[in-house]
Amino acid sequence: MSQDIKELRGQQATEALLRRLPPAGEILDSGELLDRFLDFVKERGVELYPAQEEAILALYEGSNVILNTPTGSGKSLVATALHFQSLAQGRRSVYTSPIKALVNEMPGLRVVGLATRGERGLAQAAEATPDVALVDADMPGLCSMAIIRLLRSRLPRTRIVAMGTVALALMGFFA
């Protein structure tokens, strides 16, 4: 387990992050929310890895992100940043992962669906119409790239974060 997960999970960390949410009805722009999240991370004594920082900045700018980093490199912290933004903006987030323990590390997360197979995750996202869908690239069943394409076509307002490893078969796509 990476250092940032140890320092940023648990009831005390969750409460500290939730205290940074604006009062109901108060709207903050993405920059202000980003500052609040980064202050939380800094106060917990955690320094972001370059990949985490780049991904969080891109997400707060409204981009979709595929984060392909090794296990223990802080992908959950990136997801937490996006969940924090969604909560602050009164939106919903969906985190799909075959590793249930990761879901429990998301402070203040309201899970509206949890699936261990791609097809079920897609069906749950269609029912819940989340603001954010977190897709595990290694989830069995329907290929994660197919899930992403289907989510983008069926739920165009849903922001998508794909996490995990990229299959070697996709390498030709990036060449």
N, C-alpha and C. Protein backbone atom coordinates (compact mmCIF):
# COMPACT_ATOMS: atom_id res chain seq x y z
N MET A 1 0.85 -1.18 0.00
CA MET A 1 0.00 0.00 0.00
C MET A 1 0.89 1.23 0.00
N SER A 2 0.57 2.21 -0.85
CA SER A 2 1.42 3.39 -0.97
C SER A 2 1.26 4.32 0.22
N GLN A 3 2.27 5.16 0.42
CA GLN A 3 2.29 6.08 1.54
C GLN A 3 1.06 7.01 1.54
N ASP A 4 0.69 7.53 0.35
CA ASP A 4 -0.42 8.48 0.33
C ASP A 4 -1.73 7.85 0.76
N ILE A 5 -1.97 6.59 0.45
CA ILE A 5 -3.20 5.94 0.88
C ILE A 5 -3.21 5.78 2.39
N LYS A 6 -2.10 5.42 3.00
CA LYS A 6 -2.04 5.27 4.45
C LYS A 6 -2.33 6.60 5.14
N GLU A 7 -1.82 7.69 4.60
CA GLU A 7 -1.97 9.00 5.23
C GLU A 7 -3.33 9.64 4.95
N LEU A 8 -4.00 9.21 3.91
CA LEU A 8 -5.21 9.90 3.46
C LEU A 8 -6.50 9.12 3.66
N ARG A 9 -6.45 7.96 4.28
CA ARG A 9 -7.68 7.22 4.47
C ARG A 9 -8.05 7.19 5.94
N GLY A 10 -9.22 6.69 6.21
CA GLY A 10 -9.68 6.59 7.59
C GLY A 10 -10.67 7.70 7.92
N GLN A 11 -11.35 7.53 9.02
CA GLN A 11 -12.40 8.46 9.42
C GLN A 11 -11.88 9.88 9.60
N GLN A 12 -10.74 10.03 10.24
CA GLN A 12 -10.19 11.36 10.49
C GLN A 12 -9.87 12.08 9.17
N ALA A 13 -9.26 11.37 8.24
CA ALA A 13 -8.94 11.96 6.94
C ALA A 13 -10.21 12.31 6.17
N THR A 14 -11.19 11.41 6.23
CA THR A 14 -12.46 11.67 5.55
C THR A 14 -13.11 12.93 6.08
N GLU A 15 -13.17 13.06 7.40
CA GLU A 15 -13.78 14.24 8.00
C GLU A 15 -13.01 15.51 7.63
N ALA A 16 -11.69 15.43 7.62
CA ALA A 16 -10.88 16.60 7.26
C ALA A 16 -11.15 17.03 5.82
N LEU A 17 -11.30 16.08 4.92
CA LEU A 17 -11.59 16.42 3.53
C LEU A 17 -13.00 16.96 3.38
N LEU A 18 -13.97 16.34 4.04
CA LEU A 18 -15.36 16.80 3.93
C LEU A 18 -15.54 18.21 4.49
N ARG A 19 -14.74 18.58 5.48
CA ARG A 19 -14.82 19.95 6.02
C ARG A 19 -14.41 20.99 4.98
N ARG A 20 -13.72 20.57 3.97
CA ARG A 20 -13.29 21.49 2.91
C ARG A 20 -14.37 21.71 1.84
N LEU A 21 -15.43 20.93 1.91
CA LEU A 21 -16.53 21.14 0.96
C LEU A 21 -17.20 22.48 1.25
N PRO A 22 -17.63 23.19 0.21
CA PRO A 22 -18.34 24.45 0.46
C PRO A 22 -19.72 24.17 1.05
N PRO A 23 -20.29 25.15 1.75
CA PRO A 23 -21.66 24.98 2.27
C PRO A 23 -22.63 24.73 1.11
N ALA A 24 -23.71 24.03 1.40
CA ALA A 24 -24.72 23.72 0.38
C ALA A 24 -25.15 25.02 -0.30
N GLY A 25 -25.19 24.99 -1.61
CA GLY A 25 -25.63 26.14 -2.38
C GLY A 25 -24.49 27.07 -2.78
N GLU A 26 -23.35 26.97 -2.13
CA GLU A 26 -22.21 27.82 -2.50
C GLU A 26 -21.45 27.15 -3.63
N ILE A 27 -21.25 27.90 -4.69
CA ILE A 27 -20.58 27.37 -5.87
C ILE A 27 -19.13 27.89 -5.90
N LEU A 28 -18.20 26.97 -6.01
CA LEU A 28 -16.79 27.33 -6.16
C LEU A 28 -16.33 26.86 -7.53
N ASP A 29 -15.44 27.63 -8.15
CA ASP A 29 -14.92 27.18 -9.43
C ASP A 29 -13.89 26.07 -9.21
N SER A 30 -13.52 25.42 -10.29
CA SER A 30 -12.61 24.27 -10.21
C SER A 30 -11.28 24.65 -9.57
N GLY A 31 -10.79 25.84 -9.84
CA GLY A 31 -9.52 26.27 -9.26
C GLY A 31 -9.58 26.36 -7.75
N GLU A 32 -10.68 26.90 -7.22
CA GLU A 32 -10.83 26.98 -5.77
C GLU A 32 -10.97 25.59 -5.15
N LEU A 33 -11.70 24.71 -5.82
CA LEU A 33 -11.84 23.34 -5.31
C LEU A 33 -10.50 22.61 -5.36
N LEU A 34 -9.76 22.82 -6.43
CA LEU A 34 -8.44 22.21 -6.53
C LEU A 34 -7.54 22.67 -5.40
N ASP A 35 -7.56 23.97 -5.12
CA ASP A 35 -6.75 24.50 -4.01
C ASP A 35 -7.13 23.85 -2.69
N ARG A 36 -8.42 23.67 -2.45
CA ARG A 36 -8.87 23.04 -1.21
C ARG A 36 -8.40 21.59 -1.12
N PHE A 37 -8.48 20.87 -2.24
CA PHE A 37 -8.04 19.48 -2.22
C PHE A 37 -6.53 19.40 -2.01
N LEU A 38 -5.78 20.23 -2.71
CA LEU A 38 -4.32 20.20 -2.58
C LEU A 38 -3.88 20.62 -1.17
N ASP A 39 -4.60 21.55 -0.56
CA ASP A 39 -4.31 21.93 0.83
C ASP A 39 -4.51 20.74 1.76
N PHE A 40 -5.58 19.98 1.52
CA PHE A 40 -5.85 18.78 2.31
C PHE A 40 -4.69 17.80 2.19
N VAL A 41 -4.24 17.56 0.96
CA VAL A 41 -3.15 16.61 0.71
C VAL A 41 -1.88 17.09 1.42
N LYS A 42 -1.57 18.38 1.27
CA LYS A 42 -0.36 18.94 1.87
C LYS A 42 -0.41 18.85 3.40
N GLU A 43 -1.55 19.17 3.99
CA GLU A 43 -1.68 19.11 5.45
C GLU A 43 -1.54 17.69 5.98
N ARG A 44 -1.80 16.71 5.14
CA ARG A 44 -1.64 15.31 5.56
C ARG A 44 -0.19 14.85 5.37
N GLY A 45 0.68 15.74 4.90
CA GLY A 45 2.08 15.41 4.75
C GLY A 45 2.39 14.57 3.53
N VAL A 46 1.57 14.67 2.51
CA VAL A 46 1.74 13.85 1.31
C VAL A 46 2.20 14.74 0.16
N GLU A 47 3.19 14.26 -0.57
CA GLU A 47 3.64 14.95 -1.77
C GLU A 47 3.16 14.14 -2.98
N LEU A 48 2.47 14.81 -3.88
CA LEU A 48 1.96 14.12 -5.06
C LEU A 48 3.09 13.66 -5.97
N TYR A 49 2.91 12.47 -6.54
CA TYR A 49 3.81 12.01 -7.59
C TYR A 49 3.50 12.82 -8.85
N PRO A 50 4.45 12.97 -9.77
CA PRO A 50 4.18 13.75 -10.98
C PRO A 50 2.95 13.26 -11.75
N ALA A 51 2.77 11.95 -11.88
CA ALA A 51 1.61 11.42 -12.62
C ALA A 51 0.30 11.80 -11.92
N GLN A 52 0.30 11.79 -10.59
CA GLN A 52 -0.90 12.18 -9.84
C GLN A 52 -1.22 13.65 -10.09
N GLU A 53 -0.20 14.48 -9.97
CA GLU A 53 -0.40 15.92 -10.15
C GLU A 53 -0.93 16.23 -11.55
N GLU A 54 -0.31 15.63 -12.55
CA GLU A 54 -0.73 15.86 -13.94
C GLU A 54 -2.18 15.41 -14.15
N ALA A 55 -2.52 14.24 -13.63
CA ALA A 55 -3.88 13.71 -13.81
C ALA A 55 -4.91 14.58 -13.08
N ILE A 56 -4.62 14.97 -11.85
CA ILE A 56 -5.57 15.80 -11.08
C ILE A 56 -5.78 17.14 -11.76
N LEU A 57 -4.71 17.78 -12.22
CA LEU A 57 -4.85 19.05 -12.92
C LEU A 57 -5.71 18.90 -14.17
N ALA A 58 -5.48 17.84 -14.94
CA ALA A 58 -6.25 17.61 -16.15
C ALA A 58 -7.73 17.38 -15.83
N LEU A 59 -8.01 16.61 -14.79
CA LEU A 59 -9.40 16.35 -14.41
C LEU A 59 -10.10 17.62 -13.97
N TYR A 60 -9.43 18.46 -13.22
CA TYR A 60 -10.03 19.71 -12.76
C TYR A 60 -10.18 20.72 -13.88
N GLU A 61 -9.49 20.49 -15.00
CA GLU A 61 -9.67 21.32 -16.19
C GLU A 61 -10.79 20.77 -17.07
N GLY A 62 -11.38 19.63 -16.66
CA GLY A 62 -12.50 19.06 -17.39
C GLY A 62 -12.14 17.97 -18.38
N SER A 63 -10.90 17.53 -18.39
CA SER A 63 -10.47 16.48 -19.33
C SER A 63 -10.76 15.09 -18.78
N ASN A 64 -10.92 14.14 -19.69
CA ASN A 64 -10.95 12.73 -19.31
C ASN A 64 -9.50 12.27 -19.21
N VAL A 65 -9.24 11.31 -18.33
CA VAL A 65 -7.87 10.87 -18.07
C VAL A 65 -7.81 9.35 -18.05
N ILE A 66 -6.77 8.80 -18.66
CA ILE A 66 -6.42 7.39 -18.47
C ILE A 66 -5.10 7.40 -17.72
N LEU A 67 -5.12 6.86 -16.52
CA LEU A 67 -3.93 6.86 -15.66
C LEU A 67 -3.37 5.45 -15.62
N ASN A 68 -2.27 5.24 -16.31
CA ASN A 68 -1.65 3.92 -16.41
C ASN A 68 -0.35 3.94 -15.60
N THR A 69 -0.46 3.68 -14.32
CA THR A 69 0.70 3.66 -13.44
C THR A 69 0.68 2.37 -12.62
N PRO A 70 1.82 1.98 -12.06
CA PRO A 70 1.90 0.71 -11.32
C PRO A 70 1.01 0.70 -10.07
N THR A 71 0.72 -0.49 -9.59
CA THR A 71 -0.01 -0.66 -8.35
C THR A 71 0.72 0.07 -7.24
N GLY A 72 -0.03 0.78 -6.41
CA GLY A 72 0.56 1.49 -5.28
C GLY A 72 1.10 2.85 -5.63
N SER A 73 0.81 3.36 -6.82
CA SER A 73 1.35 4.64 -7.24
C SER A 73 0.37 5.80 -7.04
N GLY A 74 -0.76 5.53 -6.41
CA GLY A 74 -1.65 6.62 -6.03
C GLY A 74 -2.82 6.91 -6.95
N LYS A 75 -3.28 5.92 -7.71
CA LYS A 75 -4.44 6.15 -8.57
C LYS A 75 -5.69 6.46 -7.74
N SER A 76 -5.80 5.84 -6.57
CA SER A 76 -6.96 6.10 -5.71
C SER A 76 -7.01 7.55 -5.25
N LEU A 77 -5.85 8.15 -5.03
CA LEU A 77 -5.82 9.56 -4.62
C LEU A 77 -6.33 10.45 -5.76
N VAL A 78 -6.00 10.11 -6.98
CA VAL A 78 -6.50 10.86 -8.13
C VAL A 78 -8.02 10.74 -8.20
N ALA A 79 -8.52 9.54 -7.98
CA ALA A 79 -9.97 9.34 -7.97
C ALA A 79 -10.61 10.13 -6.84
N THR A 80 -9.97 10.18 -5.68
CA THR A 80 -10.49 10.94 -4.55
C THR A 80 -10.61 12.42 -4.91
N ALA A 81 -9.63 12.94 -5.63
CA ALA A 81 -9.67 14.35 -6.04
C ALA A 81 -10.91 14.62 -6.89
N LEU A 82 -11.21 13.71 -7.81
CA LEU A 82 -12.37 13.91 -8.67
C LEU A 82 -13.68 13.72 -7.90
N HIS A 83 -13.70 12.79 -6.97
CA HIS A 83 -14.88 12.62 -6.13
C HIS A 83 -15.12 13.87 -5.30
N PHE A 84 -14.07 14.45 -4.76
CA PHE A 84 -14.19 15.67 -3.98
C PHE A 84 -14.81 16.78 -4.83
N GLN A 85 -14.33 16.94 -6.04
CA GLN A 85 -14.89 17.96 -6.94
C GLN A 85 -16.36 17.69 -7.22
N SER A 86 -16.70 16.44 -7.48
CA SER A 86 -18.10 16.09 -7.76
C SER A 86 -19.00 16.38 -6.57
N LEU A 87 -18.56 15.98 -5.37
CA LEU A 87 -19.35 16.25 -4.16
C LEU A 87 -19.54 17.74 -3.96
N ALA A 88 -18.49 18.52 -4.16
CA ALA A 88 -18.56 19.96 -3.96
C ALA A 88 -19.52 20.62 -4.95
N GLN A 89 -19.68 20.01 -6.11
CA GLN A 89 -20.56 20.57 -7.13
C GLN A 89 -21.95 19.92 -7.12
N GLY A 90 -22.23 19.13 -6.06
CA GLY A 90 -23.54 18.51 -5.92
C GLY A 90 -23.82 17.42 -6.94
N ARG A 91 -22.78 16.81 -7.45
CA ARG A 91 -22.93 15.76 -8.45
C ARG A 91 -22.67 14.40 -7.83
N ARG A 92 -22.89 13.34 -8.61
CA ARG A 92 -22.67 11.96 -8.16
C ARG A 92 -21.46 11.37 -8.86
N SER A 93 -20.83 10.40 -8.21
CA SER A 93 -19.69 9.70 -8.79
C SER A 93 -19.94 8.20 -8.72
N VAL A 94 -19.41 7.49 -9.69
CA VAL A 94 -19.46 6.04 -9.70
C VAL A 94 -18.02 5.55 -9.77
N TYR A 95 -17.69 4.59 -8.94
CA TYR A 95 -16.36 3.99 -8.94
C TYR A 95 -16.57 2.50 -9.21
N THR A 96 -16.08 2.01 -10.35
CA THR A 96 -16.20 0.58 -10.63
C THR A 96 -14.83 -0.06 -10.50
N SER A 97 -14.77 -1.12 -9.74
CA SER A 97 -13.49 -1.78 -9.49
C SER A 97 -13.73 -3.19 -9.00
N PRO A 98 -12.92 -4.14 -9.47
CA PRO A 98 -13.06 -5.49 -8.92
C PRO A 98 -12.41 -5.61 -7.54
N ILE A 99 -11.72 -4.57 -7.09
CA ILE A 99 -11.06 -4.59 -5.79
C ILE A 99 -11.87 -3.71 -4.84
N LYS A 100 -12.76 -4.34 -4.07
CA LYS A 100 -13.67 -3.60 -3.21
C LYS A 100 -12.95 -2.72 -2.19
N ALA A 101 -11.78 -3.12 -1.76
CA ALA A 101 -11.04 -2.34 -0.77
C ALA A 101 -10.74 -0.93 -1.27
N LEU A 102 -10.48 -0.78 -2.56
CA LEU A 102 -10.21 0.55 -3.09
C LEU A 102 -11.41 1.48 -2.93
N VAL A 103 -12.58 0.93 -3.12
CA VAL A 103 -13.79 1.74 -2.99
C VAL A 103 -13.93 2.29 -1.57
N ASN A 104 -13.55 1.50 -0.59
CA ASN A 104 -13.66 1.93 0.80
C ASN A 104 -12.67 3.04 1.15
N GLU A 105 -11.71 3.32 0.29
CA GLU A 105 -10.72 4.36 0.55
C GLU A 105 -11.15 5.73 0.04
N MET A 106 -12.30 5.83 -0.56
CA MET A 106 -12.75 7.09 -1.14
C MET A 106 -13.51 7.92 -0.11
N PRO A 107 -12.90 8.96 0.44
CA PRO A 107 -13.58 9.78 1.46
C PRO A 107 -14.85 10.42 0.92
N GLY A 108 -15.94 10.27 1.65
CA GLY A 108 -17.19 10.93 1.31
C GLY A 108 -17.87 10.43 0.06
N LEU A 109 -17.42 9.32 -0.47
CA LEU A 109 -17.96 8.79 -1.72
C LEU A 109 -19.34 8.20 -1.51
N ARG A 110 -20.24 8.54 -2.38
CA ARG A 110 -21.55 7.90 -2.39
C ARG A 110 -21.55 6.96 -3.59
N VAL A 111 -21.44 5.70 -3.32
CA VAL A 111 -21.40 4.70 -4.39
C VAL A 111 -22.83 4.43 -4.83
N VAL A 112 -23.09 4.65 -6.10
CA VAL A 112 -24.42 4.35 -6.64
C VAL A 112 -24.41 3.08 -7.46
N GLY A 113 -23.25 2.45 -7.57
CA GLY A 113 -23.14 1.17 -8.26
C GLY A 113 -21.75 0.60 -8.08
N LEU A 114 -21.67 -0.70 -7.98
CA LEU A 114 -20.40 -1.39 -7.84
C LEU A 114 -20.50 -2.68 -8.63
N ALA A 115 -19.58 -2.88 -9.55
CA ALA A 115 -19.66 -4.06 -10.41
C ALA A 115 -18.32 -4.76 -10.48
N THR A 116 -18.35 -6.06 -10.62
CA THR A 116 -17.12 -6.82 -10.80
C THR A 116 -16.93 -7.27 -12.24
N ARG A 117 -17.89 -6.97 -13.10
CA ARG A 117 -17.78 -7.27 -14.53
C ARG A 117 -18.21 -6.03 -15.30
N GLY A 118 -17.55 -5.84 -16.44
CA GLY A 118 -17.80 -4.65 -17.24
C GLY A 118 -19.24 -4.44 -17.65
N GLU A 119 -19.92 -5.51 -18.04
CA GLU A 119 -21.30 -5.39 -18.49
C GLU A 119 -22.21 -4.85 -17.38
N ARG A 120 -22.01 -5.36 -16.17
CA ARG A 120 -22.83 -4.92 -15.03
C ARG A 120 -22.52 -3.46 -14.67
N GLY A 121 -21.25 -3.09 -14.74
CA GLY A 121 -20.88 -1.71 -14.47
C GLY A 121 -21.53 -0.75 -15.45
N LEU A 122 -21.56 -1.14 -16.71
CA LEU A 122 -22.19 -0.32 -17.74
C LEU A 122 -23.69 -0.18 -17.47
N ALA A 123 -24.34 -1.29 -17.10
CA ALA A 123 -25.78 -1.25 -16.80
C ALA A 123 -26.06 -0.36 -15.59
N GLN A 124 -25.24 -0.47 -14.55
CA GLN A 124 -25.44 0.36 -13.35
C GLN A 124 -25.22 1.83 -13.65
N ALA A 125 -24.23 2.15 -14.46
CA ALA A 125 -23.99 3.54 -14.83
C ALA A 125 -25.18 4.09 -15.62
N ALA A 126 -25.76 3.27 -16.49
CA ALA A 126 -26.92 3.71 -17.26
C ALA A 126 -28.11 4.02 -16.34
N GLU A 127 -28.27 3.21 -15.29
CA GLU A 127 -29.36 3.43 -14.33
C GLU A 127 -29.11 4.67 -13.47
N ALA A 128 -27.88 4.86 -13.01
CA ALA A 128 -27.57 5.91 -12.05
C ALA A 128 -27.24 7.25 -12.71
N THR A 129 -26.91 7.24 -14.01
CA THR A 129 -26.44 8.43 -14.72
C THR A 129 -25.49 9.28 -13.87
N PRO A 130 -24.33 8.73 -13.55
CA PRO A 130 -23.39 9.43 -12.67
C PRO A 130 -22.72 10.61 -13.37
N ASP A 131 -22.20 11.52 -12.57
CA ASP A 131 -21.40 12.61 -13.10
C ASP A 131 -20.00 12.12 -13.43
N VAL A 132 -19.53 11.13 -12.68
CA VAL A 132 -18.19 10.57 -12.88
C VAL A 132 -18.29 9.05 -12.83
N ALA A 133 -17.63 8.39 -13.78
CA ALA A 133 -17.54 6.94 -13.77
C ALA A 133 -16.06 6.56 -13.73
N LEU A 134 -15.67 5.77 -12.75
CA LEU A 134 -14.31 5.27 -12.65
C LEU A 134 -14.32 3.83 -13.15
N VAL A 135 -13.52 3.57 -14.16
CA VAL A 135 -13.51 2.28 -14.82
C VAL A 135 -12.15 1.61 -14.61
N ASP A 136 -12.17 0.40 -14.09
CA ASP A 136 -10.94 -0.38 -13.92
C ASP A 136 -10.62 -1.04 -15.26
N ALA A 137 -9.49 -0.69 -15.83
CA ALA A 137 -9.10 -1.20 -17.14
C ALA A 137 -8.89 -2.71 -17.13
N ASP A 138 -8.70 -3.29 -15.95
CA ASP A 138 -8.46 -4.73 -15.84
C ASP A 138 -9.71 -5.52 -15.48
N MET A 139 -10.87 -4.88 -15.42
CA MET A 139 -12.09 -5.56 -15.02
C MET A 139 -12.45 -6.64 -16.04
N PRO A 140 -12.84 -7.81 -15.56
CA PRO A 140 -13.22 -8.88 -16.49
C PRO A 140 -14.51 -8.56 -17.24
N GLY A 141 -14.70 -9.26 -18.31
CA GLY A 141 -15.92 -9.07 -19.09
C GLY A 141 -15.67 -8.12 -20.24
N LEU A 142 -16.63 -7.28 -20.50
CA LEU A 142 -16.56 -6.32 -21.59
C LEU A 142 -15.26 -5.51 -21.50
N CYS A 143 -14.55 -5.39 -22.58
CA CYS A 143 -13.30 -4.65 -22.65
C CYS A 143 -13.48 -3.22 -22.13
N SER A 144 -12.51 -2.73 -21.36
CA SER A 144 -12.62 -1.39 -20.78
C SER A 144 -12.74 -0.31 -21.85
N MET A 145 -12.06 -0.48 -22.98
CA MET A 145 -12.19 0.51 -24.06
C MET A 145 -13.61 0.50 -24.62
N ALA A 146 -14.24 -0.66 -24.69
CA ALA A 146 -15.63 -0.73 -25.14
C ALA A 146 -16.55 -0.05 -24.13
N ILE A 147 -16.28 -0.28 -22.84
CA ILE A 147 -17.08 0.36 -21.79
C ILE A 147 -16.96 1.88 -21.91
N ILE A 148 -15.75 2.37 -22.10
CA ILE A 148 -15.54 3.82 -22.22
C ILE A 148 -16.28 4.37 -23.42
N ARG A 149 -16.17 3.71 -24.57
CA ARG A 149 -16.88 4.17 -25.78
C ARG A 149 -18.39 4.18 -25.55
N LEU A 150 -18.91 3.12 -24.93
CA LEU A 150 -20.35 3.05 -24.69
C LEU A 150 -20.79 4.10 -23.68
N LEU A 151 -20.02 4.29 -22.62
CA LEU A 151 -20.37 5.34 -21.64
C LEU A 151 -20.39 6.71 -22.30
N ARG A 152 -19.38 6.98 -23.13
CA ARG A 152 -19.30 8.29 -23.79
C ARG A 152 -20.48 8.51 -24.74
N SER A 153 -20.93 7.45 -25.42
CA SER A 153 -22.04 7.63 -26.36
C SER A 153 -23.39 7.67 -25.64
N ARG A 154 -23.56 6.86 -24.59
CA ARG A 154 -24.84 6.80 -23.89
C ARG A 154 -24.99 7.86 -22.81
N LEU A 155 -23.88 8.26 -22.20
CA LEU A 155 -23.90 9.24 -21.11
C LEU A 155 -22.87 10.33 -21.40
N PRO A 156 -23.14 11.20 -22.40
CA PRO A 156 -22.13 12.16 -22.83
C PRO A 156 -21.71 13.17 -21.75
N ARG A 157 -22.52 13.36 -20.74
CA ARG A 157 -22.17 14.32 -19.68
C ARG A 157 -21.36 13.67 -18.55
N THR A 158 -21.24 12.35 -18.57
CA THR A 158 -20.48 11.63 -17.55
C THR A 158 -19.00 11.73 -17.86
N ARG A 159 -18.22 12.18 -16.87
CA ARG A 159 -16.76 12.21 -17.01
C ARG A 159 -16.24 10.83 -16.64
N ILE A 160 -15.22 10.39 -17.38
CA ILE A 160 -14.73 9.02 -17.24
C ILE A 160 -13.26 9.04 -16.85
N VAL A 161 -12.93 8.22 -15.85
CA VAL A 161 -11.55 8.00 -15.46
C VAL A 161 -11.30 6.51 -15.58
N ALA A 162 -10.35 6.13 -16.43
CA ALA A 162 -9.97 4.72 -16.58
C ALA A 162 -8.67 4.50 -15.84
N MET A 163 -8.65 3.50 -14.99
CA MET A 163 -7.47 3.23 -14.19
C MET A 163 -7.05 1.78 -14.37
N GLY A 164 -5.76 1.53 -14.32
CA GLY A 164 -5.25 0.18 -14.43
C GLY A 164 -4.19 0.10 -15.50
N THR A 165 -4.00 -1.09 -16.02
CA THR A 165 -2.97 -1.29 -17.03
C THR A 165 -3.60 -1.31 -18.41
N VAL A 166 -2.81 -1.01 -19.40
CA VAL A 166 -3.29 -0.99 -20.78
C VAL A 166 -2.86 -2.31 -21.42
N ALA A 167 -3.80 -2.99 -22.04
CA ALA A 167 -3.50 -4.27 -22.69
C ALA A 167 -2.53 -4.07 -23.85
N LEU A 168 -1.65 -5.04 -24.04
CA LEU A 168 -0.67 -4.93 -25.11
C LEU A 168 -1.34 -4.81 -26.47
N ALA A 169 -2.53 -5.36 -26.62
CA ALA A 169 -3.23 -5.30 -27.90
C ALA A 169 -3.53 -3.85 -28.30
N LEU A 170 -3.57 -2.94 -27.34
CA LEU A 170 -3.87 -1.55 -27.65
C LEU A 170 -2.65 -0.77 -28.10
N MET A 171 -1.46 -1.36 -27.97
CA MET A 171 -0.25 -0.63 -28.28
C MET A 171 -0.24 -0.14 -29.73
N GLY A 172 -0.80 -0.88 -30.66
CA GLY A 172 -0.88 -0.44 -32.04
C GLY A 172 -1.73 0.80 -32.19
N PHE A 173 -2.72 0.95 -31.34
CA PHE A 173 -3.60 2.11 -31.38
C PHE A 173 -2.82 3.39 -31.06
N PHE A 174 -1.83 3.29 -30.17
CA PHE A 174 -1.08 4.47 -29.75
C PHE A 174 0.14 4.73 -30.63
N ALA A 175 0.49 3.79 -31.49
CA ALA A 175 1.69 3.94 -32.32
C ALA A 175 1.51 4.97 -33.42
